[in-house]
């Protein structure tokens, strides 16, 4: 695909150039994700990445910031998130100190709602800057619907209104990535303002490639067996199927133990690197665990 994208201080003329830059940042995107990110930069639109936890949504934003040589500003969403934590709030202690100092005559009386009394939170920090920025709005599905509605102004016009100061417009639009684990459906109004890409679990071949990239020096057989074993776990009825992040964590643990391949003993000892619920660990005990290990060793040979 042709067309020049000017994002931050870096120019990507093709999807392949962006793909290469992401790989150099230790992130292996599939073609669909690389295309979505390229178009988001080209069209100056946010991109919404949905998928199970641990499939690499947040890592995609981090890698993009590295590829663009841009600052990553992250807004972690949660229930009850409001404007004071996401956009700005006034520094009331400093205002009170200023009032007291003015009364004592040590400073001149000044406007108490000027920029010097403003505490800038992630959204304002990303909008009001001349520097290149990747704005990561992480797990937007965890925020309340009211906050999601507030984001519409920011994502539509890249501007924020502060009653005491007026409207602040972006001088350089940030690259915006929203992520969602789909714990709830997002409003159509928000989706219309963004491109969309679903990130699923990778193929076994690609997961092995990811492991080998993120765990340098890992034996090839161990990387194959680890990826195959985790893939087998995902086929079970688990409360929290492991993502790619867990595969990487487990591979790092196995490599740190100096293993060349997996066996029942080391799997039992390190299962907590992959599974995070006691019920899930109990599900794969005994015969199930033995079967998964045999399949993984066969795939790795």
Protein backbone atom coordinates (compact mmCIF):
# COMPACT_ATOMS: atom_id res chain seq x y z
CA UNK A 1 0.00 0.00 0.00
CA UNK A 2 1.38 3.38 -1.02
CA UNK A 3 1.10 6.77 0.58
CA UNK A 4 3.31 8.66 2.97
CA UNK A 5 2.46 8.74 6.66
CA UNK A 6 3.92 11.49 8.79
CA UNK A 7 3.65 10.26 12.36
CA UNK A 8 5.73 11.95 15.02
CA UNK A 9 9.30 12.26 13.68
CA UNK A 10 9.17 9.09 11.59
CA UNK A 11 7.92 8.57 8.05
CA UNK A 12 6.41 5.25 6.98
CA UNK A 13 5.71 5.01 3.27
CA UNK A 14 4.39 1.44 3.32
CA UNK A 15 2.88 -1.10 5.66
CA UNK A 16 6.06 -3.13 5.28
CA UNK A 17 8.17 -0.28 6.67
CA UNK A 18 5.93 0.00 9.73
CA UNK A 19 5.96 -3.78 10.15
CA UNK A 20 9.76 -3.75 10.11
CA UNK A 21 9.90 -0.93 12.67
CA UNK A 22 7.55 -2.82 15.00
CA UNK A 23 9.65 -5.96 14.69
CA UNK A 24 12.74 -3.96 15.53
CA UNK A 25 10.84 -2.91 18.68
CA UNK A 26 10.47 -6.65 19.53
CA UNK A 27 6.83 -6.84 18.48
CA UNK A 28 5.61 -9.21 15.77
CA UNK A 29 2.35 -7.94 14.28
CA UNK A 30 0.29 -9.92 11.82
CA UNK A 31 -0.56 -8.28 8.52
CA UNK A 32 -3.99 -7.16 9.70
CA UNK A 33 -2.66 -5.35 12.76
CA UNK A 34 0.16 -3.71 10.84
CA UNK A 35 -2.39 -2.49 8.28
CA UNK A 36 -4.72 -1.14 10.99
CA UNK A 37 -1.90 0.78 12.66
CA UNK A 38 -0.64 2.13 9.33
CA UNK A 39 -4.12 3.40 8.42
CA UNK A 40 -4.62 4.89 11.88
CA UNK A 41 -1.49 6.95 11.35
CA UNK A 42 -2.32 7.80 7.74
CA UNK A 43 -5.87 8.92 8.52
CA UNK A 44 -5.02 10.39 11.93
CA UNK A 45 -7.74 8.29 13.52
CA UNK A 46 -7.73 6.31 16.77
CA UNK A 47 -7.61 2.54 16.51
CA UNK A 48 -9.53 0.24 18.84
CA UNK A 49 -7.79 -3.05 19.60
CA UNK A 50 -10.02 -5.72 21.11
CA UNK A 51 -9.13 -9.22 22.22
CA UNK A 52 -8.59 -11.51 25.17
CA UNK A 53 -6.26 -10.36 27.94
CA UNK A 54 -2.63 -11.08 27.21
CA UNK A 55 -2.74 -11.20 23.41
CA UNK A 56 -0.54 -8.12 22.96
CA UNK A 57 -2.85 -5.10 22.74
CA UNK A 58 -0.94 -2.95 25.22
CA UNK A 59 2.38 -4.17 23.85
CA UNK A 60 1.31 -3.01 20.39
CA UNK A 61 0.98 0.56 21.69
CA UNK A 62 4.36 0.38 23.41
CA UNK A 63 6.01 -0.94 20.26
CA UNK A 64 4.35 1.75 18.13
CA UNK A 65 5.71 4.45 20.44
CA UNK A 66 9.19 2.97 20.06
CA UNK A 67 8.81 2.71 16.28
CA UNK A 68 7.69 6.35 16.07
CA UNK A 69 10.33 7.58 18.52
CA UNK A 70 7.41 9.06 20.45
CA UNK A 71 6.51 9.40 24.09
CA UNK A 72 3.99 6.86 25.35
CA UNK A 73 1.29 8.34 27.58
CA UNK A 74 -0.93 5.70 29.17
CA UNK A 75 -4.35 6.19 30.70
CA UNK A 76 -5.31 3.05 32.60
CA UNK A 77 -9.10 2.88 32.79
CA UNK A 78 -11.07 1.57 35.74
CA UNK A 79 -14.56 1.82 37.18
CA UNK A 80 -15.14 5.29 38.58
CA UNK A 81 -12.49 7.01 36.44
CA UNK A 82 -13.38 10.69 36.15
CA UNK A 83 -12.11 13.90 34.60
CA UNK A 84 -9.91 14.82 37.58
CA UNK A 85 -7.90 11.62 37.17
CA UNK A 86 -7.96 11.43 33.37
CA UNK A 87 -7.71 15.05 32.20
CA UNK A 88 -6.78 17.61 34.86
CA UNK A 89 -7.43 18.91 38.34
CA UNK A 90 -6.54 22.07 40.19
CA UNK A 91 -3.68 22.01 42.67
CA UNK A 92 -5.72 23.14 45.67
CA UNK A 93 -2.88 22.92 48.25
CA UNK A 94 -0.72 25.15 46.06
CA UNK A 95 -3.60 27.58 45.58
CA UNK A 96 -4.13 27.78 49.34
CA UNK A 97 -0.42 28.39 49.92
CA UNK A 98 -0.50 31.13 47.31
CA UNK A 99 -3.49 32.80 48.98
CA UNK A 100 -1.73 32.67 52.35
CA UNK A 101 1.47 34.08 50.88
CA UNK A 102 -0.48 36.86 49.17
CA UNK A 103 -2.15 37.75 52.46
CA UNK A 104 1.27 37.97 54.10
CA UNK A 105 2.54 40.16 51.28
CA UNK A 106 5.34 37.83 50.21
CA UNK A 107 3.87 37.35 46.71
CA UNK A 108 1.62 39.46 44.56
CA UNK A 109 -2.03 38.53 44.14
CA UNK A 110 -2.48 36.53 40.94
CA UNK A 111 -5.13 34.54 39.16
CA UNK A 112 -5.64 31.30 41.10
CA UNK A 113 -6.83 29.36 38.10
CA UNK A 114 -3.87 29.84 35.80
CA UNK A 115 -1.83 27.12 34.10
CA UNK A 116 0.73 27.11 36.92
CA UNK A 117 -1.92 25.71 39.27
CA UNK A 118 -3.05 22.99 36.89
CA UNK A 119 -2.19 19.33 37.45
CA UNK A 120 -2.08 17.74 34.01
CA UNK A 121 -3.39 14.21 33.71
CA UNK A 122 -2.79 11.84 30.73
CA UNK A 123 -5.40 13.18 28.30
CA UNK A 124 -4.42 16.82 28.72
CA UNK A 125 -0.74 15.86 28.67
CA UNK A 126 -1.24 14.13 25.31
CA UNK A 127 -3.27 16.96 23.77
CA UNK A 128 -1.31 19.98 24.98
CA UNK A 129 2.19 19.21 23.71
CA UNK A 130 4.41 19.83 20.72
CA UNK A 131 6.21 16.50 21.18
CA UNK A 132 5.20 13.33 19.32
CA UNK A 133 2.94 11.19 21.49
CA UNK A 134 1.26 7.81 21.41
CA UNK A 135 -1.77 7.97 23.70
CA UNK A 136 -2.77 4.57 25.06
CA UNK A 137 -6.28 4.45 26.56
CA UNK A 138 -6.00 1.02 28.12
CA UNK A 139 -9.00 -1.20 28.91
CA UNK A 140 -11.63 1.39 28.02
CA UNK A 141 -14.29 -1.25 28.66
CA UNK A 142 -13.52 -1.02 32.39
CA UNK A 143 -14.44 2.67 32.53
CA UNK A 144 -18.00 3.86 33.12
CA UNK A 145 -20.23 4.72 30.18
CA UNK A 146 -20.22 8.38 31.31
CA UNK A 147 -16.46 8.58 30.87
CA UNK A 148 -16.69 6.81 27.54
CA UNK A 149 -19.13 9.52 26.43
CA UNK A 150 -16.69 12.23 27.59
CA UNK A 151 -14.01 10.77 25.35
CA UNK A 152 -16.08 11.57 22.27
CA UNK A 153 -15.05 15.25 22.33
CA UNK A 154 -11.41 14.33 22.74
CA UNK A 155 -11.40 11.74 19.96
CA UNK A 156 -13.55 13.79 17.58
CA UNK A 157 -11.77 17.13 17.72
CA UNK A 158 -8.64 16.43 19.78
CA UNK A 159 -9.50 19.23 22.11
CA UNK A 160 -10.27 19.65 25.81
CA UNK A 161 -12.32 22.42 27.37
CA UNK A 162 -11.30 23.79 30.76
CA UNK A 163 -13.92 26.32 31.93
CA UNK A 164 -11.39 28.61 33.61
CA UNK A 165 -8.90 28.56 30.72
CA UNK A 166 -10.95 27.87 27.61
CA UNK A 167 -10.52 25.22 24.94
CA UNK A 168 -7.12 23.64 24.41
CA UNK A 169 -6.63 22.18 20.92
CA UNK A 170 -3.96 19.74 19.92
CA UNK A 171 -1.10 21.35 18.04
CA UNK A 172 0.11 17.91 17.03
CA UNK A 173 -2.44 15.10 17.10
CA UNK A 174 -1.32 12.13 19.15
CA UNK A 175 -1.53 8.63 17.75
CA UNK A 176 -4.33 7.07 19.80
CA UNK A 177 -4.76 3.40 20.66
CA UNK A 178 -7.71 2.20 22.70
CA UNK A 179 -7.76 -1.34 24.04
CA UNK A 180 -10.68 -3.43 25.26
CA UNK A 181 -10.97 -6.90 26.76
CA UNK A 182 -14.65 -6.74 25.86
CA UNK A 183 -15.94 -7.06 29.41
CA UNK A 184 -18.79 -4.89 28.11
CA UNK A 185 -19.88 -3.56 24.73
CA UNK A 186 -18.67 -0.10 23.80
CA UNK A 187 -21.02 2.51 22.38
CA UNK A 188 -21.38 2.78 18.61
CA UNK A 189 -20.53 6.48 18.84
CA UNK A 190 -17.08 5.65 20.17
CA UNK A 191 -16.53 2.86 17.67
CA UNK A 192 -17.43 5.17 14.77
CA UNK A 193 -14.55 7.43 15.70
CA UNK A 194 -11.99 4.68 15.54
CA UNK A 195 -10.66 2.00 13.27
CA UNK A 196 -11.10 -1.51 14.66
CA UNK A 197 -8.91 -4.59 14.85
CA UNK A 198 -9.44 -7.83 16.74
CA UNK A 199 -6.29 -9.45 18.10
CA UNK A 200 -6.71 -13.17 18.61
CA UNK A 201 -4.30 -15.81 19.83
CA UNK A 202 -1.53 -16.31 17.26
CA UNK A 203 -0.85 -19.45 15.28
CA UNK A 204 1.55 -21.91 16.86
CA UNK A 205 4.28 -20.93 14.39
CA UNK A 206 3.92 -17.24 15.12
CA UNK A 207 3.80 -17.81 18.88
CA UNK A 208 7.05 -19.75 18.69
CA UNK A 209 8.55 -16.85 16.74
CA UNK A 210 7.34 -14.42 19.43
CA UNK A 211 8.85 -16.56 22.19
CA UNK A 212 12.19 -16.78 20.43
CA UNK A 213 12.22 -13.02 19.93
CA UNK A 214 11.27 -12.14 23.51
CA UNK A 215 13.39 -14.84 25.17
CA UNK A 216 16.77 -14.59 23.42
CA UNK A 217 18.83 -17.76 23.49
CA UNK A 218 15.96 -20.09 24.38
CA UNK A 219 16.50 -23.60 22.93
CA UNK A 220 14.38 -24.15 19.84
CA UNK A 221 12.84 -27.36 21.22
CA UNK A 222 11.86 -25.62 24.47
CA UNK A 223 10.24 -22.72 22.59
CA UNK A 224 8.22 -25.15 20.46
CA UNK A 225 7.12 -27.24 23.45
CA UNK A 226 6.18 -24.21 25.57
CA UNK A 227 4.04 -22.72 22.81
CA UNK A 228 2.39 -26.07 22.07
CA UNK A 229 1.63 -26.72 25.75
CA UNK A 230 0.01 -23.31 26.23
CA UNK A 231 -1.99 -23.79 23.05
CA UNK A 232 -3.29 -27.05 24.53
CA UNK A 233 -4.31 -25.22 27.70
CA UNK A 234 -6.39 -22.76 25.67
CA UNK A 235 -8.48 -25.63 24.34
CA UNK A 236 -9.61 -26.50 27.88
CA UNK A 237 -12.54 -24.97 29.75
CA UNK A 238 -10.55 -22.55 31.90
CA UNK A 239 -11.65 -19.48 33.82
CA UNK A 240 -8.70 -17.53 32.40
CA UNK A 241 -7.04 -19.09 29.34
CA UNK A 242 -3.39 -18.01 29.12
CA UNK A 243 -2.40 -15.37 26.61
CA UNK A 244 0.83 -14.78 24.77
CA UNK A 245 2.11 -12.79 27.75
CA UNK A 246 1.85 -15.93 29.90
CA UNK A 247 3.63 -17.99 27.24
CA UNK A 248 6.51 -15.51 27.31
CA UNK A 249 6.60 -15.46 31.13
CA UNK A 250 6.66 -19.25 31.26
CA UNK A 251 9.33 -19.54 28.59
CA UNK A 252 11.48 -17.07 30.53
CA UNK A 253 11.00 -19.12 33.71
CA UNK A 254 11.92 -22.37 31.96
CA UNK A 255 14.98 -20.77 30.38
CA UNK A 256 16.05 -19.34 33.74
CA UNK A 257 15.92 -22.88 35.16
CA UNK A 258 18.23 -24.02 32.39
CA UNK A 259 15.71 -26.38 30.82
CA UNK A 260 16.12 -27.77 27.33
CA UNK A 261 12.64 -29.33 27.24
CA UNK A 262 9.58 -29.70 29.44
CA UNK A 263 8.62 -32.61 31.68
CA UNK A 264 5.93 -33.25 34.27
CA UNK A 265 8.06 -32.13 37.20
CA UNK A 266 9.07 -28.73 35.82
CA UNK A 267 5.56 -28.07 34.51
CA UNK A 268 4.10 -28.76 37.97
CA UNK A 269 6.66 -26.44 39.56
CA UNK A 270 6.11 -23.55 37.14
CA UNK A 271 2.39 -23.85 36.36
CA UNK A 272 1.76 -20.63 38.27
CA UNK A 273 3.59 -18.74 35.52
CA UNK A 274 0.81 -19.70 33.09
CA UNK A 275 -2.38 -20.16 35.12
CA UNK A 276 -3.56 -17.60 37.66
CA UNK A 277 -6.59 -19.33 39.18
CA UNK A 278 -6.48 -22.28 41.58
CA UNK A 279 -9.48 -23.82 39.83
CA UNK A 280 -7.63 -23.74 36.49
CA UNK A 281 -4.56 -25.36 38.02
CA UNK A 282 -6.71 -28.13 39.48
CA UNK A 283 -8.35 -28.64 36.07
CA UNK A 284 -5.07 -29.61 34.42
CA UNK A 285 -3.70 -31.89 37.13
CA UNK A 286 -2.87 -35.59 36.70
CA UNK A 287 -4.04 -37.24 33.45
CA UNK A 288 -4.86 -33.99 31.69
CA UNK A 289 -1.44 -32.56 32.45
CA UNK A 290 0.33 -35.72 31.26
CA UNK A 291 -1.61 -35.68 28.00
CA UNK A 292 -0.82 -32.03 27.34
CA UNK A 293 2.87 -32.59 28.00
CA UNK A 294 3.00 -35.57 25.63
CA UNK A 295 1.30 -33.58 22.88
CA UNK A 296 3.64 -30.63 23.43
CA UNK A 297 6.75 -32.83 23.35
CA UNK A 298 5.54 -34.45 20.14
CA UNK A 299 4.98 -31.03 18.58
CA UNK A 300 8.41 -29.88 19.73
CA UNK A 301 10.33 -32.82 18.35
